[in-house]
């Protein structure tokens, strides 16, 4: 099986030759530190631990021209709408026609990032803007809804532009909306102001038979999971999580096969030595593999505080557990 077939079979609860294995690239700074810890300079992690290739297609979803000041009142909405032009230069990656030709013959997974989520869509790039958006959510919810609807329509047209030329394997919504204690807005507000604005985009994805719609979130977004399932999301990729609140075993018991899963291995275990790594993998991964629809992966990118010997042990143990599964 190639990677695309493997992903499809896994998430259809079929019979893959094995589950896909995804891995985020290790940064050069980490590699340099590992070389001081015994990693040979000629060593190649990709050769040591082959992984299934996946490619995330990054679209330019920012307002163009860029905003000097993000809007905070309805009088600025017409200007905001004009800045979300799907034909503005730079919306698609460079050499788009060439990429499209190459993608038609690919055997790796391709996933466009189709939405940036509430806070980035509202221009939150600083604490000051976050405070302003928090105020708007409480005092001007209609304005927030209007902003999100403008971008929801734009993102739907961007997705359509891609899907008319390329068959993709999944679509990724990024939603950095949680802290360790829970989501930063209530589920009811999230449904009303945010998820409603995703409807045009979700409709485009469904009409073009995109089977896997991924909700990639951070920290603790547990309370939002019932809401996203109702709207048509069917896969969770939780990153840098509160391990207790977002334990995939509990999530699988609660939501069953309706929610496919990517990730679930607490990165903190990799910082705590072999015993912690073994316990984390052996307690979580086998039962999730047994229930299907699951791709095991650490819930964050490996950093300098993970020792080389512990990373090797993690990869070797994970390869052993997933072999033939």
Protein backbone atom coordinates (compact mmCIF):
# COMPACT_ATOMS: atom_id res chain seq x y z
CA UNK A 1 0.00 0.00 0.00
CA UNK A 2 1.12 3.57 -0.56
CA UNK A 3 0.59 6.27 2.04
CA UNK A 4 -2.66 7.55 0.55
CA UNK A 5 -4.19 4.08 0.52
CA UNK A 6 -2.92 3.43 4.04
CA UNK A 7 -4.52 6.62 5.37
CA UNK A 8 -7.80 5.89 3.63
CA UNK A 9 -8.01 2.33 4.92
CA UNK A 10 -7.09 3.36 8.45
CA UNK A 11 -9.72 6.08 8.64
CA UNK A 12 -12.37 3.95 6.96
CA UNK A 13 -11.76 1.31 9.64
CA UNK A 14 -10.63 -1.03 6.87
CA UNK A 15 -7.60 -3.29 6.55
CA UNK A 16 -4.38 -1.33 5.97
CA UNK A 17 -1.11 -3.23 5.74
CA UNK A 18 -0.17 -1.10 8.77
CA UNK A 19 -1.20 2.26 10.18
CA UNK A 20 0.50 5.29 8.65
CA UNK A 21 3.41 6.68 10.59
CA UNK A 22 3.76 10.45 10.45
CA UNK A 23 6.61 12.37 12.02
CA UNK A 24 7.32 16.08 12.10
CA UNK A 25 10.89 16.96 11.01
CA UNK A 26 13.40 17.42 13.81
CA UNK A 27 14.90 20.90 13.89
CA UNK A 28 18.58 21.42 13.08
CA UNK A 29 19.22 22.84 16.56
CA UNK A 30 18.01 19.56 18.07
CA UNK A 31 20.15 17.51 15.68
CA UNK A 32 23.26 19.53 16.61
CA UNK A 33 22.61 18.88 20.30
CA UNK A 34 22.03 15.18 19.67
CA UNK A 35 25.35 14.95 17.84
CA UNK A 36 26.99 16.03 21.10
CA UNK A 37 25.05 13.23 22.83
CA UNK A 38 26.33 10.48 20.53
CA UNK A 39 24.43 10.80 17.26
CA UNK A 40 26.84 10.16 14.37
CA UNK A 41 27.22 13.12 12.03
CA UNK A 42 26.38 11.01 9.00
CA UNK A 43 23.29 9.52 10.66
CA UNK A 44 19.98 10.08 8.88
CA UNK A 45 16.82 9.77 11.00
CA UNK A 46 14.68 9.37 7.89
CA UNK A 47 16.71 6.34 6.85
CA UNK A 48 16.77 4.93 10.39
CA UNK A 49 13.03 5.35 10.91
CA UNK A 50 11.14 5.54 7.60
CA UNK A 51 7.89 7.51 7.89
CA UNK A 52 4.90 7.98 5.65
CA UNK A 53 5.15 11.28 3.83
CA UNK A 54 2.43 13.85 4.33
CA UNK A 55 2.37 17.34 2.88
CA UNK A 56 0.37 20.23 4.26
CA UNK A 57 -0.65 22.70 1.60
CA UNK A 58 -0.38 26.19 3.07
CA UNK A 59 -2.68 28.75 1.49
CA UNK A 60 -2.37 32.49 2.05
CA UNK A 61 -5.52 33.25 4.04
CA UNK A 62 -4.46 36.69 5.30
CA UNK A 63 -6.16 39.93 4.24
CA UNK A 64 -4.43 41.51 1.24
CA UNK A 65 -3.23 44.23 1.37
CA UNK A 66 -2.26 43.61 4.98
CA UNK A 67 -4.17 45.48 7.65
CA UNK A 68 -2.33 48.05 9.72
CA UNK A 69 -5.18 48.01 12.23
CA UNK A 70 -7.67 45.16 12.54
CA UNK A 71 -11.32 46.28 12.49
CA UNK A 72 -13.29 46.65 15.67
CA UNK A 73 -16.54 48.08 14.30
CA UNK A 74 -19.04 47.32 11.55
CA UNK A 75 -18.00 50.42 9.59
CA UNK A 76 -14.76 48.66 8.64
CA UNK A 77 -16.35 45.47 7.33
CA UNK A 78 -16.61 46.55 3.69
CA UNK A 79 -12.88 47.25 3.63
CA UNK A 80 -12.21 43.89 5.28
CA UNK A 81 -14.35 42.11 2.69
CA UNK A 82 -12.39 43.71 -0.18
CA UNK A 83 -9.13 42.44 1.27
CA UNK A 84 -10.30 38.83 1.02
CA UNK A 85 -9.98 38.46 -2.73
CA UNK A 86 -9.23 34.89 -3.83
CA UNK A 87 -7.47 36.20 -6.94
CA UNK A 88 -5.02 38.42 -5.07
CA UNK A 89 -1.37 37.61 -5.92
CA UNK A 90 0.32 35.06 -3.70
CA UNK A 91 -2.78 33.23 -2.48
CA UNK A 92 -1.48 29.92 -3.88
CA UNK A 93 2.07 28.54 -3.52
CA UNK A 94 4.68 29.40 -6.13
CA UNK A 95 4.74 27.24 -9.27
CA UNK A 96 1.12 26.29 -8.70
CA UNK A 97 0.58 24.71 -12.17
CA UNK A 98 3.72 22.61 -11.77
CA UNK A 99 2.71 21.48 -8.31
CA UNK A 100 -0.73 20.49 -9.57
CA UNK A 101 0.82 18.35 -12.33
CA UNK A 102 3.12 16.60 -9.87
CA UNK A 103 0.35 16.04 -7.31
CA UNK A 104 -1.76 14.12 -9.83
CA UNK A 105 0.83 11.31 -9.79
CA UNK A 106 1.66 11.44 -6.08
CA UNK A 107 1.41 8.58 -3.61
CA UNK A 108 1.82 10.72 -0.48
CA UNK A 109 -0.91 12.39 1.57
CA UNK A 110 -1.85 15.99 0.71
CA UNK A 111 -3.81 18.09 3.20
CA UNK A 112 -4.62 21.78 2.64
CA UNK A 113 -4.86 24.04 5.67
CA UNK A 114 -8.26 25.52 4.96
CA UNK A 115 -8.90 27.69 8.05
CA UNK A 116 -6.85 29.42 10.74
CA UNK A 117 -9.51 29.38 13.45
CA UNK A 118 -11.23 32.07 15.46
CA UNK A 119 -8.41 34.06 17.00
CA UNK A 120 -6.05 34.25 14.03
CA UNK A 121 -9.02 35.09 11.82
CA UNK A 122 -9.75 38.00 14.17
CA UNK A 123 -6.16 39.26 13.90
CA UNK A 124 -4.88 38.07 17.27
CA UNK A 125 -1.11 38.38 16.98
CA UNK A 126 -0.55 40.17 20.28
CA UNK A 127 -1.93 40.30 23.80
CA UNK A 128 -3.47 43.71 23.13
CA UNK A 129 -5.46 42.38 20.19
CA UNK A 130 -6.43 39.29 22.19
CA UNK A 131 -7.88 41.55 24.91
CA UNK A 132 -9.76 43.54 22.25
CA UNK A 133 -11.21 40.39 20.68
CA UNK A 134 -12.22 39.06 24.11
CA UNK A 135 -14.12 42.31 24.65
CA UNK A 136 -15.76 42.06 21.22
CA UNK A 137 -16.87 38.49 21.90
CA UNK A 138 -18.71 39.65 25.01
CA UNK A 139 -19.97 43.06 23.90
CA UNK A 140 -20.21 42.88 20.09
CA UNK A 141 -20.96 39.26 19.15
CA UNK A 142 -22.75 40.29 15.93
CA UNK A 143 -19.62 42.06 14.75
CA UNK A 144 -17.49 38.97 15.48
CA UNK A 145 -19.99 36.80 13.63
CA UNK A 146 -19.87 39.14 10.63
CA UNK A 147 -16.05 39.05 10.54
CA UNK A 148 -16.03 35.27 10.73
CA UNK A 149 -18.68 34.98 8.01
CA UNK A 150 -16.62 37.16 5.65
CA UNK A 151 -13.62 34.91 6.15
CA UNK A 152 -15.69 31.73 6.08
CA UNK A 153 -17.01 32.64 2.63
CA UNK A 154 -13.51 33.58 1.47
CA UNK A 155 -11.99 30.34 2.77
CA UNK A 156 -14.73 28.35 1.03
CA UNK A 157 -13.86 30.03 -2.28
CA UNK A 158 -10.15 29.35 -1.70
CA UNK A 159 -10.85 25.69 -0.98
CA UNK A 160 -12.98 25.47 -4.10
CA UNK A 161 -10.13 26.94 -6.15
CA UNK A 162 -7.83 24.18 -4.91
CA UNK A 163 -10.29 21.31 -5.12
CA UNK A 164 -11.21 22.08 -8.71
CA UNK A 165 -7.63 21.19 -9.63
CA UNK A 166 -6.36 18.75 -7.00
CA UNK A 167 -7.74 15.71 -5.22
CA UNK A 168 -6.75 15.99 -1.57
CA UNK A 169 -6.75 13.37 1.18
CA UNK A 170 -7.89 15.49 4.12
CA UNK A 171 -8.48 19.10 5.11
CA UNK A 172 -7.05 20.77 8.22
CA UNK A 173 -8.80 23.39 10.34
CA UNK A 174 -6.37 24.91 12.83
CA UNK A 175 -8.10 26.02 16.03
CA UNK A 176 -5.73 27.30 18.73
CA UNK A 177 -8.52 28.10 21.14
CA UNK A 178 -7.78 26.36 24.44
CA UNK A 179 -5.77 26.83 27.60
CA UNK A 180 -4.91 24.04 30.04
CA UNK A 181 -8.18 24.60 31.91
CA UNK A 182 -10.38 24.49 28.80
CA UNK A 183 -11.46 26.44 25.72
CA UNK A 184 -11.23 30.22 25.88
CA UNK A 185 -14.87 30.63 24.85
CA UNK A 186 -17.95 28.64 25.84
CA UNK A 187 -19.21 25.87 23.53
CA UNK A 188 -22.48 27.70 22.88
CA UNK A 189 -20.67 30.87 21.83
CA UNK A 190 -18.29 28.81 19.72
CA UNK A 191 -21.18 27.16 17.90
CA UNK A 192 -22.98 30.44 17.30
CA UNK A 193 -20.11 32.73 16.32
CA UNK A 194 -17.52 30.38 14.87
CA UNK A 195 -18.85 27.04 13.70
CA UNK A 196 -21.72 28.64 11.81
CA UNK A 197 -19.20 30.60 9.77
CA UNK A 198 -17.46 27.35 8.78
CA UNK A 199 -20.59 26.01 7.05
CA UNK A 200 -19.79 27.28 3.51
CA UNK A 201 -16.31 25.79 3.74
CA UNK A 202 -17.54 22.48 5.12
CA UNK A 203 -20.11 22.35 2.33
CA UNK A 204 -17.39 22.76 -0.31
CA UNK A 205 -15.32 20.00 1.28
CA UNK A 206 -18.27 17.62 1.42
CA UNK A 207 -19.30 18.36 -2.19
CA UNK A 208 -15.78 17.50 -3.33
CA UNK A 209 -15.74 14.26 -1.34
CA UNK A 210 -13.04 15.22 1.14
CA UNK A 211 -13.55 12.36 3.57
CA UNK A 212 -11.30 13.44 6.44
CA UNK A 213 -11.91 16.83 8.03
CA UNK A 214 -9.35 17.44 10.76
CA UNK A 215 -9.83 19.64 13.80
CA UNK A 216 -6.29 20.45 14.90
CA UNK A 217 -6.33 22.10 18.26
CA UNK A 218 -4.03 22.80 21.19
CA UNK A 219 -4.04 22.49 24.99
CA UNK A 220 -7.53 21.55 26.24
CA UNK A 221 -10.44 21.90 23.82
CA UNK A 222 -12.36 18.91 25.19
CA UNK A 223 -15.64 20.77 25.74
CA UNK A 224 -15.83 21.71 22.06
CA UNK A 225 -15.66 18.17 20.69
CA UNK A 226 -19.43 17.47 20.72
CA UNK A 227 -19.98 20.71 18.79
CA UNK A 228 -17.44 19.96 16.06
CA UNK A 229 -18.81 16.46 15.57
CA UNK A 230 -22.29 17.84 14.99
CA UNK A 231 -20.91 20.13 12.27
CA UNK A 232 -19.19 17.39 10.29
CA UNK A 233 -15.63 17.23 11.60
CA UNK A 234 -14.54 13.62 11.94
CA UNK A 235 -10.89 13.67 12.99
CA UNK A 236 -9.08 15.17 15.99
CA UNK A 237 -5.41 16.12 16.00
CA UNK A 238 -4.68 17.56 19.44
CA UNK A 239 -1.27 19.15 19.99
CA UNK A 240 0.64 20.19 23.12
CA UNK A 241 -2.26 19.10 25.23
CA UNK A 242 -3.24 18.80 28.83
CA UNK A 243 -2.64 15.05 28.87
CA UNK A 244 -5.32 14.24 31.43
CA UNK A 245 -8.07 16.34 29.86
CA UNK A 246 -7.35 15.21 26.29
CA UNK A 247 -6.54 11.55 26.93
CA UNK A 248 -7.39 9.81 23.66
CA UNK A 249 -8.53 6.65 25.43
CA UNK A 250 -11.28 8.61 27.19
CA UNK A 251 -12.14 10.48 24.00
CA UNK A 252 -12.46 7.23 22.06
CA UNK A 253 -14.72 5.76 24.76
CA UNK A 254 -16.93 8.85 24.67
CA UNK A 255 -17.15 9.46 20.92
CA UNK A 256 -16.40 6.04 19.45
CA UNK A 257 -15.65 5.69 15.76
CA UNK A 258 -17.25 9.00 14.87
CA UNK A 259 -13.98 10.72 15.73
CA UNK A 260 -10.75 9.51 14.12
CA UNK A 261 -7.58 10.38 16.01
CA UNK A 262 -4.07 11.57 15.18
CA UNK A 263 -1.46 12.00 17.93
CA UNK A 264 -2.22 11.17 21.55
CA UNK A 265 1.31 10.41 22.79
CA UNK A 266 2.26 12.88 25.51
CA UNK A 267 5.50 14.60 24.49
CA UNK A 268 6.35 15.10 28.16
CA UNK A 269 6.94 11.34 28.47
CA UNK A 270 9.84 11.63 26.02
CA UNK A 271 11.49 14.05 28.43
CA UNK A 272 11.28 11.64 31.36
CA UNK A 273 13.29 8.60 30.30
CA UNK A 274 12.65 5.09 29.06
CA UNK A 275 10.31 3.91 31.79
CA UNK A 276 7.97 6.86 31.21
CA UNK A 277 8.16 6.41 27.43
CA UNK A 278 7.35 2.72 27.63
CA UNK A 279 4.46 3.28 30.00
CA UNK A 280 3.02 6.07 27.80
CA UNK A 281 3.16 4.03 24.61
CA UNK A 282 2.15 0.63 25.97
CA UNK A 283 -0.81 1.96 27.96
CA UNK A 284 -2.23 4.12 25.17
CA UNK A 285 -1.20 2.98 21.72
CA UNK A 286 -2.23 -0.72 21.58
CA UNK A 287 -5.86 -0.19 22.68
CA UNK A 288 -6.26 2.76 20.31
CA UNK A 289 -4.79 0.75 17.43
CA UNK A 290 -7.13 -2.10 18.29
CA UNK A 291 -10.18 0.15 18.07
CA UNK A 292 -9.02 1.52 14.68
CA UNK A 293 -9.09 4.92 13.03
CA UNK A 294 -5.95 6.02 14.86
CA UNK A 295 -2.51 7.27 13.81
CA UNK A 296 -0.03 7.37 16.74
CA UNK A 297 2.17 10.43 17.02
CA UNK A 298 3.73 12.59 19.72
CA UNK A 299 1.51 15.56 20.50
CA UNK A 300 4.19 18.14 19.75
CA UNK A 301 7.43 18.73 17.93
CA UNK A 302 10.54 17.29 19.57
CA UNK A 303 12.73 19.97 21.17
CA UNK A 304 16.17 20.18 22.77
CA UNK A 305 14.96 18.84 26.12
CA UNK A 306 14.43 15.35 24.63
CA UNK A 307 17.63 13.30 24.80
CA UNK A 308 18.83 11.49 21.71
CA UNK A 309 18.87 8.06 23.36
CA UNK A 310 15.31 8.56 24.61
CA UNK A 311 14.12 9.64 21.17
CA UNK A 312 15.68 6.50 19.64
CA UNK A 313 13.94 4.34 22.22
CA UNK A 314 10.60 6.07 21.52
CA UNK A 315 10.89 5.52 17.77
CA UNK A 316 12.03 1.90 18.12
CA UNK A 317 9.26 1.02 20.56
CA UNK A 318 6.61 2.74 18.46
CA UNK A 319 7.80 0.89 15.33
CA UNK A 320 7.58 -2.39 17.25
CA UNK A 321 4.07 -1.70 18.56
CA UNK A 322 2.69 -0.55 15.20
CA UNK A 323 4.27 -3.24 13.01
CA UNK A 324 1.52 -4.94 11.03
CA UNK A 325 -1.24 -2.95 12.77
